[in-house]
């Protein structure tokens, strides 16, 4: 049995990191990928962000709330990427 950490790291920081990476990935896909290929590349980027969410929470090293933290990171990333993709879709309709 391991001893509990005296000052555990903040679990929300890992979730926030995943959201920021999802934001950056969605912007990068929207800017650098041709319009016809945006949705497949957004799916690839989301898959990478979900794997990042697992990796960050495994690195965190606490078992309490693991599924909740991974789910929060993945769901937040899905919402962030969805809002950005809607913005790019509306921009494509207008222009």
PDB file of N, CA and C in Angstrom:
ATOM      1  N   UNK A   1       0.836  -1.174   0.000  1.00  0.00           N
ATOM      2  CA  UNK A   1       0.000   0.000   0.000  1.00  0.00           C
ATOM      3  C   UNK A   1       0.878   1.234   0.000  1.00  0.00           C
ATOM      4  N   UNK A   2       0.563   2.168  -0.822  1.00  0.00           N
ATOM      5  CA  UNK A   2       1.352   3.397  -0.854  1.00  0.00           C
ATOM      6  C   UNK A   2       0.764   4.424   0.095  1.00  0.00           C
ATOM      7  N   UNK A   3       1.591   5.336   0.500  1.00  0.00           N
ATOM      8  CA  UNK A   3       1.129   6.398   1.387  1.00  0.00           C
ATOM      9  C   UNK A   3       0.425   7.479   0.574  1.00  0.00           C
ATOM     10  N   UNK A   4      -0.602   8.096   1.124  1.00  0.00           N
ATOM     11  CA  UNK A   4      -1.287   9.155   0.389  1.00  0.00           C
ATOM     12  C   UNK A   4      -0.381  10.363   0.203  1.00  0.00           C
ATOM     13  N   UNK A   5      -0.573  11.044  -0.887  1.00  0.00           N
ATOM     14  CA  UNK A   5       0.222  12.231  -1.173  1.00  0.00           C
ATOM     15  C   UNK A   5      -0.167  13.350  -0.217  1.00  0.00           C
ATOM     16  N   UNK A   6       0.826  14.067   0.248  1.00  0.00           N
ATOM     17  CA  UNK A   6       0.552  15.149   1.185  1.00  0.00           C
ATOM     18  C   UNK A   6      -0.091  16.340   0.476  1.00  0.00           C
ATOM     19  N   UNK A   7       0.374  16.621  -0.713  1.00  0.00           N
ATOM     20  CA  UNK A   7      -0.180  17.730  -1.486  1.00  0.00           C
ATOM     21  C   UNK A   7      -0.426  17.234  -2.911  1.00  0.00           C
ATOM     22  N   UNK A   8      -1.554  16.553  -3.149  1.00  0.00           N
ATOM     23  CA  UNK A   8      -1.791  16.002  -4.482  1.00  0.00           C
ATOM     24  C   UNK A   8      -1.964  17.107  -5.515  1.00  0.00           C
ATOM     25  N   UNK A   9      -1.604  16.763  -6.749  1.00  0.00           N
ATOM     26  CA  UNK A   9      -1.761  17.706  -7.850  1.00  0.00           C
ATOM     27  C   UNK A   9      -3.240  17.953  -8.092  1.00  0.00           C
ATOM     28  N   UNK A  10      -3.536  19.105  -8.640  1.00  0.00           N
ATOM     29  CA  UNK A  10      -4.915  19.470  -8.949  1.00  0.00           C
ATOM     30  C   UNK A  10      -5.389  18.664 -10.162  1.00  0.00           C
ATOM     31  N   UNK A  11      -6.460  17.927 -10.004  1.00  0.00           N
ATOM     32  CA  UNK A  11      -6.956  17.065 -11.077  1.00  0.00           C
ATOM     33  C   UNK A  11      -7.563  17.868 -12.216  1.00  0.00           C
ATOM     34  N   UNK A  12      -8.073  19.055 -11.938  1.00  0.00           N
ATOM     35  CA  UNK A  12      -8.714  19.850 -12.976  1.00  0.00           C
ATOM     36  C   UNK A  12      -7.712  20.389 -13.991  1.00  0.00           C
ATOM     37  N   UNK A  13      -6.450  20.530 -13.601  1.00  0.00           N
ATOM     38  CA  UNK A  13      -5.426  21.025 -14.522  1.00  0.00           C
ATOM     39  C   UNK A  13      -5.262  20.063 -15.692  1.00  0.00           C
ATOM     40  N   UNK A  14      -5.276  18.768 -15.431  1.00  0.00           N
ATOM     41  CA  UNK A  14      -5.159  17.779 -16.503  1.00  0.00           C
ATOM     42  C   UNK A  14      -6.328  17.834 -17.460  1.00  0.00           C
ATOM     43  N   UNK A  15      -7.531  18.039 -16.936  1.00  0.00           N
ATOM     44  CA  UNK A  15      -8.717  18.158 -17.785  1.00  0.00           C
ATOM     45  C   UNK A  15      -8.615  19.432 -18.620  1.00  0.00           C
ATOM     46  N   UNK A  16      -8.166  20.508 -18.018  1.00  0.00           N
ATOM     47  CA  UNK A  16      -8.024  21.776 -18.727  1.00  0.00           C
ATOM     48  C   UNK A  16      -6.972  21.686 -19.833  1.00  0.00           C
ATOM     49  N   UNK A  17      -5.896  20.956 -19.583  1.00  0.00           N
ATOM     50  CA  UNK A  17      -4.864  20.760 -20.606  1.00  0.00           C
ATOM     51  C   UNK A  17      -5.449  20.050 -21.819  1.00  0.00           C
ATOM     52  N   UNK A  18      -6.268  19.054 -21.580  1.00  0.00           N
ATOM     53  CA  UNK A  18      -6.896  18.320 -22.687  1.00  0.00           C
ATOM     54  C   UNK A  18      -7.809  19.245 -23.492  1.00  0.00           C
ATOM     55  N   UNK A  19      -8.560  20.104 -22.806  1.00  0.00           N
ATOM     56  CA  UNK A  19      -9.440  21.040 -23.505  1.00  0.00           C
ATOM     57  C   UNK A  19      -8.647  22.028 -24.346  1.00  0.00           C
ATOM     58  N   UNK A  20      -7.530  22.508 -23.829  1.00  0.00           N
ATOM     59  CA  UNK A  20      -6.698  23.460 -24.578  1.00  0.00           C
ATOM     60  C   UNK A  20      -6.092  22.792 -25.807  1.00  0.00           C
ATOM     61  N   UNK A  21      -5.647  21.561 -25.661  1.00  0.00           N
ATOM     62  CA  UNK A  21      -5.101  20.831 -26.807  1.00  0.00           C
ATOM     63  C   UNK A  21      -6.198  20.579 -27.843  1.00  0.00           C
ATOM     64  N   UNK A  22      -7.411  20.278 -27.397  1.00  0.00           N
ATOM     65  CA  UNK A  22      -8.530  20.085 -28.325  1.00  0.00           C
ATOM     66  C   UNK A  22      -8.835  21.379 -29.074  1.00  0.00           C
ATOM     67  N   UNK A  23      -8.791  22.504 -28.373  1.00  0.00           N
ATOM     68  CA  UNK A  23      -9.017  23.805 -29.012  1.00  0.00           C
ATOM     69  C   UNK A  23      -7.954  24.056 -30.080  1.00  0.00           C
ATOM     70  N   UNK A  24      -6.684  23.840 -29.730  1.00  0.00           N
ATOM     71  CA  UNK A  24      -5.598  24.064 -30.681  1.00  0.00           C
ATOM     72  C   UNK A  24      -5.685  23.113 -31.873  1.00  0.00           C
ATOM     73  N   UNK A  25      -6.036  21.867 -31.624  1.00  0.00           N
ATOM     74  CA  UNK A  25      -6.149  20.896 -32.715  1.00  0.00           C
ATOM     75  C   UNK A  25      -7.294  21.244 -33.651  1.00  0.00           C
ATOM     76  N   UNK A  26      -8.421  21.670 -33.101  1.00  0.00           N
ATOM     77  CA  UNK A  26      -9.562  22.030 -33.954  1.00  0.00           C
ATOM     78  C   UNK A  26      -9.257  23.261 -34.788  1.00  0.00           C
ATOM     79  N   UNK A  27      -8.590  24.241 -34.204  1.00  0.00           N
ATOM     80  CA  UNK A  27      -8.212  25.431 -34.971  1.00  0.00           C
ATOM     81  C   UNK A  27      -7.217  25.054 -36.060  1.00  0.00           C
ATOM     82  N   UNK A  28      -6.238  24.220 -35.734  1.00  0.00           N
ATOM     83  CA  UNK A  28      -5.245  23.800 -36.724  1.00  0.00           C
ATOM     84  C   UNK A  28      -5.902  23.041 -37.875  1.00  0.00           C
ATOM     85  N   UNK A  29      -6.820  22.139 -37.562  1.00  0.00           N
ATOM     86  CA  UNK A  29      -7.519  21.399 -38.614  1.00  0.00           C
ATOM     87  C   UNK A  29      -8.351  22.352 -39.460  1.00  0.00           C
ATOM     88  N   UNK A  30      -9.035  23.277 -38.839  1.00  0.00           N
ATOM     89  CA  UNK A  30      -9.866  24.216 -39.580  1.00  0.00           C
ATOM     90  C   UNK A  30      -9.079  25.134 -40.486  1.00  0.00           C
ATOM     91  N   UNK A  31      -7.870  25.474 -40.091  1.00  0.00           N
ATOM     92  CA  UNK A  31      -7.074  26.405 -40.881  1.00  0.00           C
ATOM     93  C   UNK A  31      -6.264  25.689 -41.967  1.00  0.00           C
ATOM     94  N   UNK A  32      -5.654  24.561 -41.634  1.00  0.00           N
ATOM     95  CA  UNK A  32      -4.693  23.935 -42.538  1.00  0.00           C
ATOM     96  C   UNK A  32      -5.256  22.810 -43.408  1.00  0.00           C
ATOM     97  N   UNK A  33      -6.427  22.306 -43.106  1.00  0.00           N
ATOM     98  CA  UNK A  33      -6.975  21.175 -43.861  1.00  0.00           C
ATOM     99  C   UNK A  33      -8.021  21.698 -44.842  1.00  0.00           C
ATOM    100  N   UNK A  34      -8.024  21.180 -46.079  1.00  0.00           N
ATOM    101  CA  UNK A  34      -9.051  21.608 -47.038  1.00  0.00           C
ATOM    102  C   UNK A  34     -10.457  21.289 -46.527  1.00  0.00           C
ATOM    103  N   UNK A  35     -11.407  22.057 -47.002  1.00  0.00           N
ATOM    104  CA  UNK A  35     -12.781  21.976 -46.500  1.00  0.00           C
ATOM    105  C   UNK A  35     -13.377  20.574 -46.614  1.00  0.00           C
ATOM    106  N   UNK A  36     -13.072  19.876 -47.668  1.00  0.00           N
ATOM    107  CA  UNK A  36     -13.650  18.546 -47.879  1.00  0.00           C
ATOM    108  C   UNK A  36     -13.108  17.509 -46.896  1.00  0.00           C
ATOM    109  N   UNK A  37     -11.940  17.748 -46.321  1.00  0.00           N
ATOM    110  CA  UNK A  37     -11.301  16.777 -45.435  1.00  0.00           C
ATOM    111  C   UNK A  37     -11.365  17.165 -43.967  1.00  0.00           C
ATOM    112  N   UNK A  38     -12.091  18.209 -43.627  1.00  0.00           N
ATOM    113  CA  UNK A  38     -12.108  18.679 -42.235  1.00  0.00           C
ATOM    114  C   UNK A  38     -12.741  17.685 -41.271  1.00  0.00           C
ATOM    115  N   UNK A  39     -13.875  17.125 -41.629  1.00  0.00           N
ATOM    116  CA  UNK A  39     -14.572  16.221 -40.698  1.00  0.00           C
ATOM    117  C   UNK A  39     -13.743  14.971 -40.408  1.00  0.00           C
ATOM    118  N   UNK A  40     -13.167  14.302 -41.409  1.00  0.00           N
ATOM    119  CA  UNK A  40     -12.328  13.141 -41.059  1.00  0.00           C
ATOM    120  C   UNK A  40     -11.132  13.510 -40.185  1.00  0.00           C
ATOM    121  N   UNK A  41     -10.512  14.644 -40.455  1.00  0.00           N
ATOM    122  CA  UNK A  41      -9.362  15.037 -39.651  1.00  0.00           C
ATOM    123  C   UNK A  41      -9.772  15.491 -38.256  1.00  0.00           C
ATOM    124  N   UNK A  42     -10.954  16.059 -38.120  1.00  0.00           N
ATOM    125  CA  UNK A  42     -11.445  16.379 -36.780  1.00  0.00           C
ATOM    126  C   UNK A  42     -11.677  15.104 -35.972  1.00  0.00           C
ATOM    127  N   UNK A  43     -12.149  14.054 -36.624  1.00  0.00           N
ATOM    128  CA  UNK A  43     -12.319  12.772 -35.935  1.00  0.00           C
ATOM    129  C   UNK A  43     -10.986  12.180 -35.502  1.00  0.00           C
ATOM    130  N   UNK A  44      -9.977  12.292 -36.368  1.00  0.00           N
ATOM    131  CA  UNK A  44      -8.637  11.807 -36.012  1.00  0.00           C
ATOM    132  C   UNK A  44      -8.082  12.618 -34.842  1.00  0.00           C
ATOM    133  N   UNK A  45      -8.261  13.930 -34.899  1.00  0.00           N
ATOM    134  CA  UNK A  45      -7.781  14.788 -33.809  1.00  0.00           C
ATOM    135  C   UNK A  45      -8.507  14.477 -32.508  1.00  0.00           C
ATOM    136  N   UNK A  46      -9.805  14.220 -32.581  1.00  0.00           N
ATOM    137  CA  UNK A  46     -10.547  13.880 -31.370  1.00  0.00           C
ATOM    138  C   UNK A  46     -10.067  12.556 -30.783  1.00  0.00           C
ATOM    139  N   UNK A  47      -9.781  11.589 -31.636  1.00  0.00           N
ATOM    140  CA  UNK A  47      -9.224  10.329 -31.142  1.00  0.00           C
ATOM    141  C   UNK A  47      -7.906  10.540 -30.422  1.00  0.00           C
ATOM    142  N   UNK A  48      -7.062  11.409 -30.962  1.00  0.00           N
ATOM    143  CA  UNK A  48      -5.801  11.729 -30.304  1.00  0.00           C
ATOM    144  C   UNK A  48      -6.014  12.427 -28.972  1.00  0.00           C
ATOM    145  N   UNK A  49      -7.018  13.294 -28.913  1.00  0.00           N
ATOM    146  CA  UNK A  49      -7.298  14.006 -27.665  1.00  0.00           C
ATOM    147  C   UNK A  49      -7.831  13.043 -26.600  1.00  0.00           C
ATOM    148  N   UNK A  50      -8.635  12.068 -26.989  1.00  0.00           N
ATOM    149  CA  UNK A  50      -9.123  11.070 -26.025  1.00  0.00           C
ATOM    150  C   UNK A  50      -7.953  10.258 -25.475  1.00  0.00           C
ATOM    151  N   UNK A  51      -7.024   9.868 -26.338  1.00  0.00           N
ATOM    152  CA  UNK A  51      -5.838   9.155 -25.860  1.00  0.00           C
ATOM    153  C   UNK A  51      -4.994  10.037 -24.947  1.00  0.00           C
ATOM    154  N   UNK A  52      -4.905  11.322 -25.280  1.00  0.00           N
ATOM    155  CA  UNK A  52      -4.190  12.262 -24.418  1.00  0.00           C
ATOM    156  C   UNK A  52      -4.866  12.371 -23.059  1.00  0.00           C
ATOM    157  N   UNK A  53      -6.186  12.359 -23.047  1.00  0.00           N
ATOM    158  CA  UNK A  53      -6.916  12.434 -21.788  1.00  0.00           C
ATOM    159  C   UNK A  53      -6.578  11.232 -20.897  1.00  0.00           C
ATOM    160  N   UNK A  54      -6.548  10.041 -21.478  1.00  0.00           N
ATOM    161  CA  UNK A  54      -6.145   8.856 -20.713  1.00  0.00           C
ATOM    162  C   UNK A  54      -4.717   9.009 -20.197  1.00  0.00           C
ATOM    163  N   UNK A  55      -3.812   9.453 -21.065  1.00  0.00           N
ATOM    164  CA  UNK A  55      -2.403   9.554 -20.681  1.00  0.00           C
ATOM    165  C   UNK A  55      -2.204  10.567 -19.557  1.00  0.00           C
ATOM    166  N   UNK A  56      -2.866  11.707 -19.663  1.00  0.00           N
ATOM    167  CA  UNK A  56      -2.708  12.741 -18.633  1.00  0.00           C
ATOM    168  C   UNK A  56      -3.240  12.243 -17.297  1.00  0.00           C
ATOM    169  N   UNK A  57      -4.362  11.575 -17.301  1.00  0.00           N
ATOM    170  CA  UNK A  57      -4.933  11.106 -16.041  1.00  0.00           C
ATOM    171  C   UNK A  57      -4.165   9.915 -15.469  1.00  0.00           C
ATOM    172  N   UNK A  58      -3.561   9.106 -16.329  1.00  0.00           N
ATOM    173  CA  UNK A  58      -2.686   8.041 -15.819  1.00  0.00           C
ATOM    174  C   UNK A  58      -1.431   8.642 -15.203  1.00  0.00           C
ATOM    175  N   UNK A  59      -0.918   9.699 -15.805  1.00  0.00           N
ATOM    176  CA  UNK A  59       0.251  10.372 -15.268  1.00  0.00           C
ATOM    177  C   UNK A  59      -0.057  11.000 -13.912  1.00  0.00           C
ATOM    178  N   UNK A  60      -1.305  11.447 -13.747  1.00  0.00           N
ATOM    179  CA  UNK A  60      -1.729  12.057 -12.495  1.00  0.00           C
ATOM    180  C   UNK A  60      -1.542  11.080 -11.339  1.00  0.00           C
ATOM    181  N   UNK A  61      -1.815   9.814 -11.563  1.00  0.00           N
ATOM    182  CA  UNK A  61      -1.469   8.772 -10.608  1.00  0.00           C
ATOM    183  C   UNK A  61      -2.438   8.522  -9.470  1.00  0.00           C
ATOM    184  N   UNK A  62      -3.669   8.976  -9.567  1.00  0.00           N
ATOM    185  CA  UNK A  62      -4.656   8.701  -8.513  1.00  0.00           C
ATOM    186  C   UNK A  62      -5.809   7.923  -9.117  1.00  0.00           C
ATOM    187  N   UNK A  63      -6.286   6.955  -8.347  1.00  0.00           N
ATOM    188  CA  UNK A  63      -7.370   6.125  -8.857  1.00  0.00           C
ATOM    189  C   UNK A  63      -8.740   6.716  -8.569  1.00  0.00           C
ATOM    190  N   UNK A  64      -8.865   7.529  -7.539  1.00  0.00           N
ATOM    191  CA  UNK A  64     -10.155   8.097  -7.183  1.00  0.00           C
ATOM    192  C   UNK A  64     -10.587   9.085  -8.261  1.00  0.00           C
ATOM    193  N   UNK A  65     -11.737   8.803  -8.881  1.00  0.00           N
ATOM    194  CA  UNK A  65     -12.297   9.707  -9.873  1.00  0.00           C
ATOM    195  C   UNK A  65     -11.648   9.623 -11.246  1.00  0.00           C
ATOM    196  N   UNK A  66     -10.919   8.539 -11.516  1.00  0.00           N
ATOM    197  CA  UNK A  66     -10.227   8.410 -12.807  1.00  0.00           C
ATOM    198  C   UNK A  66     -11.207   8.478 -13.973  1.00  0.00           C
ATOM    199  N   UNK A  67     -12.266   7.685 -13.913  1.00  0.00           N
ATOM    200  CA  UNK A  67     -13.234   7.649 -15.006  1.00  0.00           C
ATOM    201  C   UNK A  67     -13.922   8.997 -15.156  1.00  0.00           C
ATOM    202  N   UNK A  68     -14.223   9.637 -14.054  1.00  0.00           N
ATOM    203  CA  UNK A  68     -14.858  10.953 -14.099  1.00  0.00           C
ATOM    204  C   UNK A  68     -13.939  11.990 -14.747  1.00  0.00           C
ATOM    205  N   UNK A  69     -12.660  11.964 -14.414  1.00  0.00           N
ATOM    206  CA  UNK A  69     -11.713  12.918 -14.998  1.00  0.00           C
ATOM    207  C   UNK A  69     -11.496  12.657 -16.476  1.00  0.00           C
ATOM    208  N   UNK A  70     -11.348  11.390 -16.861  1.00  0.00           N
ATOM    209  CA  UNK A  70     -11.161  11.064 -18.277  1.00  0.00           C
ATOM    210  C   UNK A  70     -12.414  11.427 -19.067  1.00  0.00           C
ATOM    211  N   UNK A  71     -13.575  11.104 -18.514  1.00  0.00           N
ATOM    212  CA  UNK A  71     -14.829  11.454 -19.185  1.00  0.00           C
ATOM    213  C   UNK A  71     -15.019  12.953 -19.302  1.00  0.00           C
ATOM    214  N   UNK A  72     -14.652  13.687 -18.252  1.00  0.00           N
ATOM    215  CA  UNK A  72     -14.753  15.141 -18.307  1.00  0.00           C
ATOM    216  C   UNK A  72     -13.824  15.737 -19.345  1.00  0.00           C
ATOM    217  N   UNK A  73     -12.627  15.194 -19.436  1.00  0.00           N
ATOM    218  CA  UNK A  73     -11.687  15.676 -20.451  1.00  0.00           C
ATOM    219  C   UNK A  73     -12.172  15.381 -21.853  1.00  0.00           C
ATOM    220  N   UNK A  74     -12.659  14.161 -22.071  1.00  0.00           N
ATOM    221  CA  UNK A  74     -13.121  13.777 -23.402  1.00  0.00           C
ATOM    222  C   UNK A  74     -14.403  14.513 -23.788  1.00  0.00           C
ATOM    223  N   UNK A  75     -15.339  14.639 -22.862  1.00  0.00           N
ATOM    224  CA  UNK A  75     -16.589  15.335 -23.171  1.00  0.00           C
ATOM    225  C   UNK A  75     -16.350  16.819 -23.416  1.00  0.00           C
ATOM    226  N   UNK A  76     -15.504  17.426 -22.610  1.00  0.00           N
ATOM    227  CA  UNK A  76     -15.176  18.831 -22.833  1.00  0.00           C
ATOM    228  C   UNK A  76     -14.474  19.039 -24.162  1.00  0.00           C
ATOM    229  N   UNK A  77     -13.571  18.134 -24.504  1.00  0.00           N
ATOM    230  CA  UNK A  77     -12.885  18.229 -25.794  1.00  0.00           C
ATOM    231  C   UNK A  77     -13.873  18.071 -26.947  1.00  0.00           C
ATOM    232  N   UNK A  78     -14.839  17.168 -26.794  1.00  0.00           N
ATOM    233  CA  UNK A  78     -15.856  16.992 -27.824  1.00  0.00           C
ATOM    234  C   UNK A  78     -16.669  18.271 -28.007  1.00  0.00           C
ATOM    235  N   UNK A  79     -17.042  18.897 -26.902  1.00  0.00           N
ATOM    236  CA  UNK A  79     -17.808  20.137 -26.995  1.00  0.00           C
ATOM    237  C   UNK A  79     -16.988  21.269 -27.602  1.00  0.00           C
ATOM    238  N   UNK A  80     -15.744  21.398 -27.193  1.00  0.00           N
ATOM    239  CA  UNK A  80     -14.879  22.445 -27.738  1.00  0.00           C
ATOM    240  C   UNK A  80     -14.687  22.250 -29.234  1.00  0.00           C
ATOM    241  N   UNK A  81     -14.371  21.038 -29.635  1.00  0.00           N
ATOM    242  CA  UNK A  81     -14.146  20.774 -31.055  1.00  0.00           C
ATOM    243  C   UNK A  81     -15.439  20.904 -31.854  1.00  0.00           C
ATOM    244  N   UNK A  82     -16.553  20.543 -31.254  1.00  0.00           N
ATOM    245  CA  UNK A  82     -17.838  20.690 -31.936  1.00  0.00           C
ATOM    246  C   UNK A  82     -18.208  22.133 -32.174  1.00  0.00           C
ATOM    247  N   UNK A  83     -18.016  22.978 -31.180  1.00  0.00           N
ATOM    248  CA  UNK A  83     -18.332  24.402 -31.341  1.00  0.00           C
ATOM    249  C   UNK A  83     -17.430  25.035 -32.397  1.00  0.00           C
ATOM    250  N   UNK A  84     -16.156  24.693 -32.383  1.00  0.00           N
ATOM    251  CA  UNK A  84     -15.242  25.255 -33.372  1.00  0.00           C
ATOM    252  C   UNK A  84     -15.574  24.752 -34.767  1.00  0.00           C
ATOM    253  N   UNK A  85     -15.940  23.476 -34.899  1.00  0.00           N
ATOM    254  CA  UNK A  85     -16.289  22.952 -36.224  1.00  0.00           C
ATOM    255  C   UNK A  85     -17.588  23.566 -36.739  1.00  0.00           C
ATOM    256  N   UNK A  86     -18.530  23.856 -35.836  1.00  0.00           N
ATOM    257  CA  UNK A  86     -19.749  24.564 -36.265  1.00  0.00           C
ATOM    258  C   UNK A  86     -19.390  25.951 -36.775  1.00  0.00           C
ATOM    259  N   UNK A  87     -18.462  26.611 -36.095  1.00  0.00           N
ATOM    260  CA  UNK A  87     -18.004  27.928 -36.556  1.00  0.00           C
ATOM    261  C   UNK A  87     -17.370  27.866 -37.929  1.00  0.00           C
ATOM    262  N   UNK A  88     -16.528  26.885 -38.166  1.00  0.00           N
ATOM    263  CA  UNK A  88     -15.922  26.743 -39.489  1.00  0.00           C
ATOM    264  C   UNK A  88     -16.953  26.360 -40.534  1.00  0.00           C
ATOM    265  N   UNK A  89     -17.929  25.550 -40.156  1.00  0.00           N
ATOM    266  CA  UNK A  89     -18.997  25.190 -41.100  1.00  0.00           C
ATOM    267  C   UNK A  89     -19.846  26.392 -41.491  1.00  0.00           C
ATOM    268  N   UNK A  90     -20.197  27.221 -40.517  1.00  0.00           N
ATOM    269  CA  UNK A  90     -20.956  28.425 -40.825  1.00  0.00           C
ATOM    270  C   UNK A  90     -20.135  29.401 -41.665  1.00  0.00           C
ATOM    271  N   UNK A  91     -18.847  29.485 -41.402  1.00  0.00           N
ATOM    272  CA  UNK A  91     -17.983  30.344 -42.202  1.00  0.00           C
ATOM    273  C   UNK A  91     -17.901  29.851 -43.640  1.00  0.00           C
ATOM    274  N   UNK A  92     -17.913  28.533 -43.820  1.00  0.00           N
ATOM    275  CA  UNK A  92     -17.866  27.986 -45.178  1.00  0.00           C
ATOM    276  C   UNK A  92     -19.171  28.261 -45.919  1.00  0.00           C
ATOM    277  N   UNK A  93     -20.299  28.286 -45.207  1.00  0.00           N
ATOM    278  CA  UNK A  93     -21.581  28.580 -45.853  1.00  0.00           C
ATOM    279  C   UNK A  93     -21.690  30.043 -46.270  1.00  0.00           C
ATOM    280  N   UNK A  94     -21.140  30.917 -45.464  1.00  0.00           N
ATOM    281  CA  UNK A  94     -21.243  32.354 -45.717  1.00  0.00           C
ATOM    282  C   UNK A  94     -20.369  32.748 -46.890  1.00  0.00           C
ATOM    283  N   UNK A  95     -19.168  32.193 -46.976  1.00  0.00           N
ATOM    284  CA  UNK A  95     -18.259  32.623 -48.040  1.00  0.00           C
ATOM    285  C   UNK A  95     -18.485  31.966 -49.357  1.00  0.00           C
TER     286      UNK A  95
END
